[in-house]
Amino acid sequence: SCSFLSQLTELYLYNNKLTSLDEFSGVDFSELRILHISNNCLTNVDALGNCKFKNLNQLLLYDNQISQIDNLGNCDFSKLKVLSIYYNRLTNVNSLAKTNLGNLSEMTLSRNKINNVDDFPKMNLANLKLLVLHNNCINNIEPLTRCNFFELKNCLMYCNKISKVSAKNQKAIADMKSKYPKLTYLRI
């Protein structure tokens, strides 16, 4: 049984060559503040969608082989501040539109295969300060102009398939600069 896990406030499982998280499915992680499962061999994190997270501040899943995060949409991430899922194989993060990310201040999704940001306007990202999406396959940034990035300061989107010369993306860049007044660094 994993009942002792419900008392943990921090759990570090990085660099362990983990291939599955199935043993954590359904665990009550209500007290957990930091979950660090980076630098493993995970292809999915479905089991985390069945866990109870009430106070999670940081979810670090970078440097794995994760191709989808659909079940994370079932999680209570209302207190999550840092989400790092870079160096994986994600093609989209649409499921995050189903969860409350209202306190998220840093989202790092670089070095994946994300091909669109269409569902970003559906996400509650009002407190996001840092958005890192570089080294993906994104070609249209217009959906980002429809987000409520009230606090966004830094947005890194270089090394994507964004054509800066396309009229659509030029307008989106101008719209982002005017709509998000706290945005001081935009790298495309």
Protein backbone atom coordinates (compact mmCIF):
# COMPACT_ATOMS: atom_id res chain seq x y z
CA SER A 1 0.00 0.00 0.00
CA CYS A 2 1.08 3.59 -0.67
CA SER A 3 -0.82 5.17 2.25
CA PHE A 4 2.33 6.91 3.56
CA LEU A 5 2.41 8.91 0.30
CA SER A 6 -0.60 10.96 1.42
CA GLN A 7 1.58 12.59 4.10
CA LEU A 8 4.36 13.70 1.75
CA THR A 9 4.81 17.35 0.85
CA GLU A 10 7.59 16.74 -1.70
CA LEU A 11 8.26 13.71 -3.88
CA TYR A 12 11.41 13.51 -6.02
CA LEU A 13 11.60 10.61 -8.45
CA TYR A 14 13.88 12.12 -11.08
CA ASN A 15 16.61 10.17 -12.84
CA ASN A 16 15.27 6.71 -11.91
CA LYS A 17 14.59 5.20 -15.34
CA LEU A 18 10.89 4.90 -14.45
CA THR A 19 8.73 3.56 -17.27
CA SER A 20 5.36 3.65 -15.48
CA LEU A 21 3.51 5.48 -12.73
CA ASP A 22 0.71 2.93 -12.46
CA GLU A 23 1.50 2.20 -8.81
CA PHE A 24 0.50 5.80 -8.00
CA SER A 25 -2.95 5.61 -9.62
CA GLY A 26 -5.62 6.77 -7.17
CA VAL A 27 -3.15 7.94 -4.49
CA ASP A 28 -4.24 10.84 -2.29
CA PHE A 29 -1.48 13.42 -2.72
CA SER A 30 -3.47 16.18 -0.98
CA GLU A 31 -0.45 17.45 0.98
CA LEU A 32 2.01 17.22 -1.90
CA ARG A 33 3.50 20.56 -2.95
CA ILE A 34 6.25 19.37 -5.35
CA LEU A 35 6.16 16.37 -7.67
CA HIS A 36 9.41 15.95 -9.61
CA ILE A 37 9.43 12.98 -12.00
CA SER A 38 11.86 14.27 -14.60
CA ASN A 39 14.62 12.51 -16.50
CA ASN A 40 12.94 9.13 -16.65
CA CYS A 41 11.57 6.92 -19.43
CA LEU A 42 7.85 7.67 -19.05
CA THR A 43 5.69 7.56 -22.17
CA ASN A 44 2.50 8.62 -20.38
CA VAL A 45 1.35 10.00 -17.05
CA ASP A 46 -2.20 8.64 -17.13
CA ALA A 47 -1.99 7.40 -13.54
CA LEU A 48 -1.58 10.97 -12.27
CA GLY A 49 -5.05 11.79 -13.61
CA ASN A 50 -6.49 9.44 -10.99
CA CYS A 51 -4.61 11.04 -8.08
CA LYS A 52 -5.86 13.67 -5.68
CA PHE A 53 -3.83 16.89 -5.79
CA LYS A 54 -5.10 19.68 -3.61
CA ASN A 55 -1.97 21.70 -2.84
CA LEU A 56 0.41 20.89 -5.70
CA ASN A 57 2.64 23.91 -6.52
CA GLN A 58 5.15 22.35 -8.93
CA LEU A 59 4.73 19.53 -11.42
CA LEU A 60 8.02 18.72 -13.15
CA LEU A 61 7.83 16.08 -15.88
CA TYR A 62 10.59 17.23 -18.21
CA ASP A 63 13.02 14.97 -20.06
CA ASN A 64 10.83 11.92 -20.50
CA GLN A 65 9.14 10.44 -23.58
CA ILE A 66 5.59 11.55 -22.79
CA SER A 67 3.41 11.80 -25.89
CA GLN A 68 0.08 12.76 -24.33
CA ILE A 69 -1.21 14.19 -21.06
CA ASP A 70 -4.95 13.71 -21.54
CA ASN A 71 -5.62 12.48 -17.99
CA LEU A 72 -3.99 15.54 -16.42
CA GLY A 73 -7.18 17.38 -17.37
CA ASN A 74 -8.87 15.47 -14.52
CA CYS A 75 -6.55 16.91 -11.86
CA ASP A 76 -7.13 19.75 -9.44
CA PHE A 77 -4.27 22.07 -10.31
CA SER A 78 -5.84 25.15 -8.74
CA LYS A 79 -2.69 25.82 -6.67
CA LEU A 80 -0.17 24.83 -9.35
CA LYS A 81 2.39 27.57 -10.02
CA VAL A 82 5.00 25.76 -12.15
CA LEU A 83 4.33 23.23 -14.91
CA SER A 84 7.37 21.90 -16.77
CA ILE A 85 6.87 19.25 -19.43
CA TYR A 86 9.70 20.13 -21.80
CA TYR A 87 11.90 17.62 -23.67
CA ASN A 88 9.05 15.20 -24.35
CA ARG A 89 6.95 14.14 -27.35
CA LEU A 90 3.74 16.09 -26.81
CA THR A 91 1.81 17.15 -29.90
CA ASN A 92 -0.82 19.11 -27.96
CA VAL A 93 -1.79 20.15 -24.45
CA ASN A 94 -5.51 20.53 -25.11
CA SER A 95 -6.52 18.54 -22.02
CA LEU A 96 -5.15 21.30 -19.80
CA ALA A 97 -8.16 23.39 -20.84
CA LYS A 98 -10.23 21.08 -18.60
CA THR A 99 -8.41 21.92 -15.36
CA ASN A 100 -8.03 25.06 -13.29
CA LEU A 101 -4.63 26.63 -13.95
CA GLY A 102 -5.59 30.01 -12.51
CA ASN A 103 -2.51 30.26 -10.27
CA LEU A 104 -0.01 28.99 -12.83
CA SER A 105 2.85 31.46 -13.26
CA GLU A 106 5.29 29.36 -15.36
CA MET A 107 4.49 26.96 -18.17
CA THR A 108 7.43 25.37 -19.95
CA LEU A 109 6.55 23.13 -22.88
CA SER A 110 9.61 23.59 -25.08
CA ARG A 111 11.27 20.86 -27.13
CA ASN A 112 8.14 18.86 -27.81
CA LYS A 113 6.19 18.38 -31.05
CA ILE A 114 3.30 20.71 -30.20
CA ASN A 115 1.72 21.75 -33.48
CA ASN A 116 -0.93 24.23 -32.36
CA VAL A 117 -1.99 26.49 -29.51
CA ASP A 118 -5.69 26.40 -30.43
CA ASP A 119 -6.91 25.47 -26.94
CA PHE A 120 -4.82 28.02 -25.04
CA PRO A 121 -7.69 30.57 -25.05
CA LYS A 122 -9.83 27.99 -23.19
CA MET A 123 -7.23 27.67 -20.41
CA ASN A 124 -7.40 29.78 -17.29
CA LEU A 125 -3.93 31.35 -17.46
CA ALA A 126 -4.68 34.75 -15.92
CA ASN A 127 -1.57 34.67 -13.68
CA LEU A 128 0.87 33.23 -16.21
CA LYS A 129 4.10 35.25 -16.28
CA LEU A 130 6.34 32.93 -18.33
CA LEU A 131 5.26 30.91 -21.37
CA VAL A 132 7.98 28.80 -22.99
CA LEU A 133 7.04 27.07 -26.24
CA HIS A 134 10.27 27.19 -28.24
CA ASN A 135 11.44 24.25 -30.36
CA ASN A 136 8.01 22.89 -31.27
CA CYS A 137 6.04 22.70 -34.53
CA ILE A 138 3.68 25.66 -34.04
CA ASN A 139 2.90 27.66 -37.17
CA ASN A 140 0.03 29.92 -36.07
CA ILE A 141 0.18 32.08 -32.95
CA GLU A 142 -3.14 33.89 -33.49
CA PRO A 143 -4.97 31.87 -30.77
CA LEU A 144 -2.59 33.35 -28.19
CA THR A 145 -4.09 36.78 -28.89
CA ARG A 146 -7.40 35.48 -27.49
CA CYS A 147 -5.98 34.41 -24.13
CA ASN A 148 -6.33 36.24 -20.84
CA PHE A 149 -2.62 36.64 -20.19
CA PHE A 150 -3.07 39.51 -17.73
CA GLU A 151 0.36 38.96 -16.14
CA LEU A 152 2.40 37.60 -19.06
CA LYS A 153 5.92 39.08 -19.07
CA ASN A 154 7.97 36.62 -21.14
CA CYS A 155 6.95 34.50 -24.11
CA LEU A 156 9.54 32.36 -25.88
CA MET A 157 8.41 30.77 -29.14
CA TYR A 158 11.52 30.68 -31.34
CA CYS A 159 12.43 27.61 -33.40
CA ASN A 160 8.87 26.79 -34.40
CA LYS A 161 7.31 26.87 -37.85
CA ILE A 162 6.07 30.41 -37.39
CA SER A 163 6.46 32.57 -40.44
CA LYS A 164 7.11 36.10 -39.23
CA VAL A 165 6.41 37.39 -42.73
CA SER A 166 2.86 36.02 -42.91
CA ALA A 167 0.31 38.80 -42.44
CA LYS A 168 -1.63 36.67 -39.98
CA ASN A 169 1.35 36.16 -37.67
CA GLN A 170 2.53 39.79 -38.03
CA LYS A 171 -0.91 40.93 -36.87
CA ALA A 172 -0.84 38.40 -34.02
CA ILE A 173 2.56 39.66 -32.84
CA ALA A 174 1.30 43.26 -32.86
CA ASP A 175 -1.92 42.22 -31.08
CA MET A 176 0.02 40.39 -28.38
CA LYS A 177 2.24 43.40 -27.76
CA SER A 178 -0.75 45.71 -27.40
CA LYS A 179 -3.14 43.35 -25.57
CA TYR A 180 -0.64 42.21 -22.94
CA PRO A 181 0.95 45.40 -21.55
CA LYS A 182 3.19 43.54 -19.09
CA LEU A 183 4.78 41.57 -21.93
CA THR A 184 8.36 42.80 -22.04
CA TYR A 185 10.05 39.92 -23.85
CA LEU A 186 8.58 38.19 -26.89
CA ARG A 187 10.97 36.02 -28.88
CA ILE A 188 9.62 34.39 -32.02
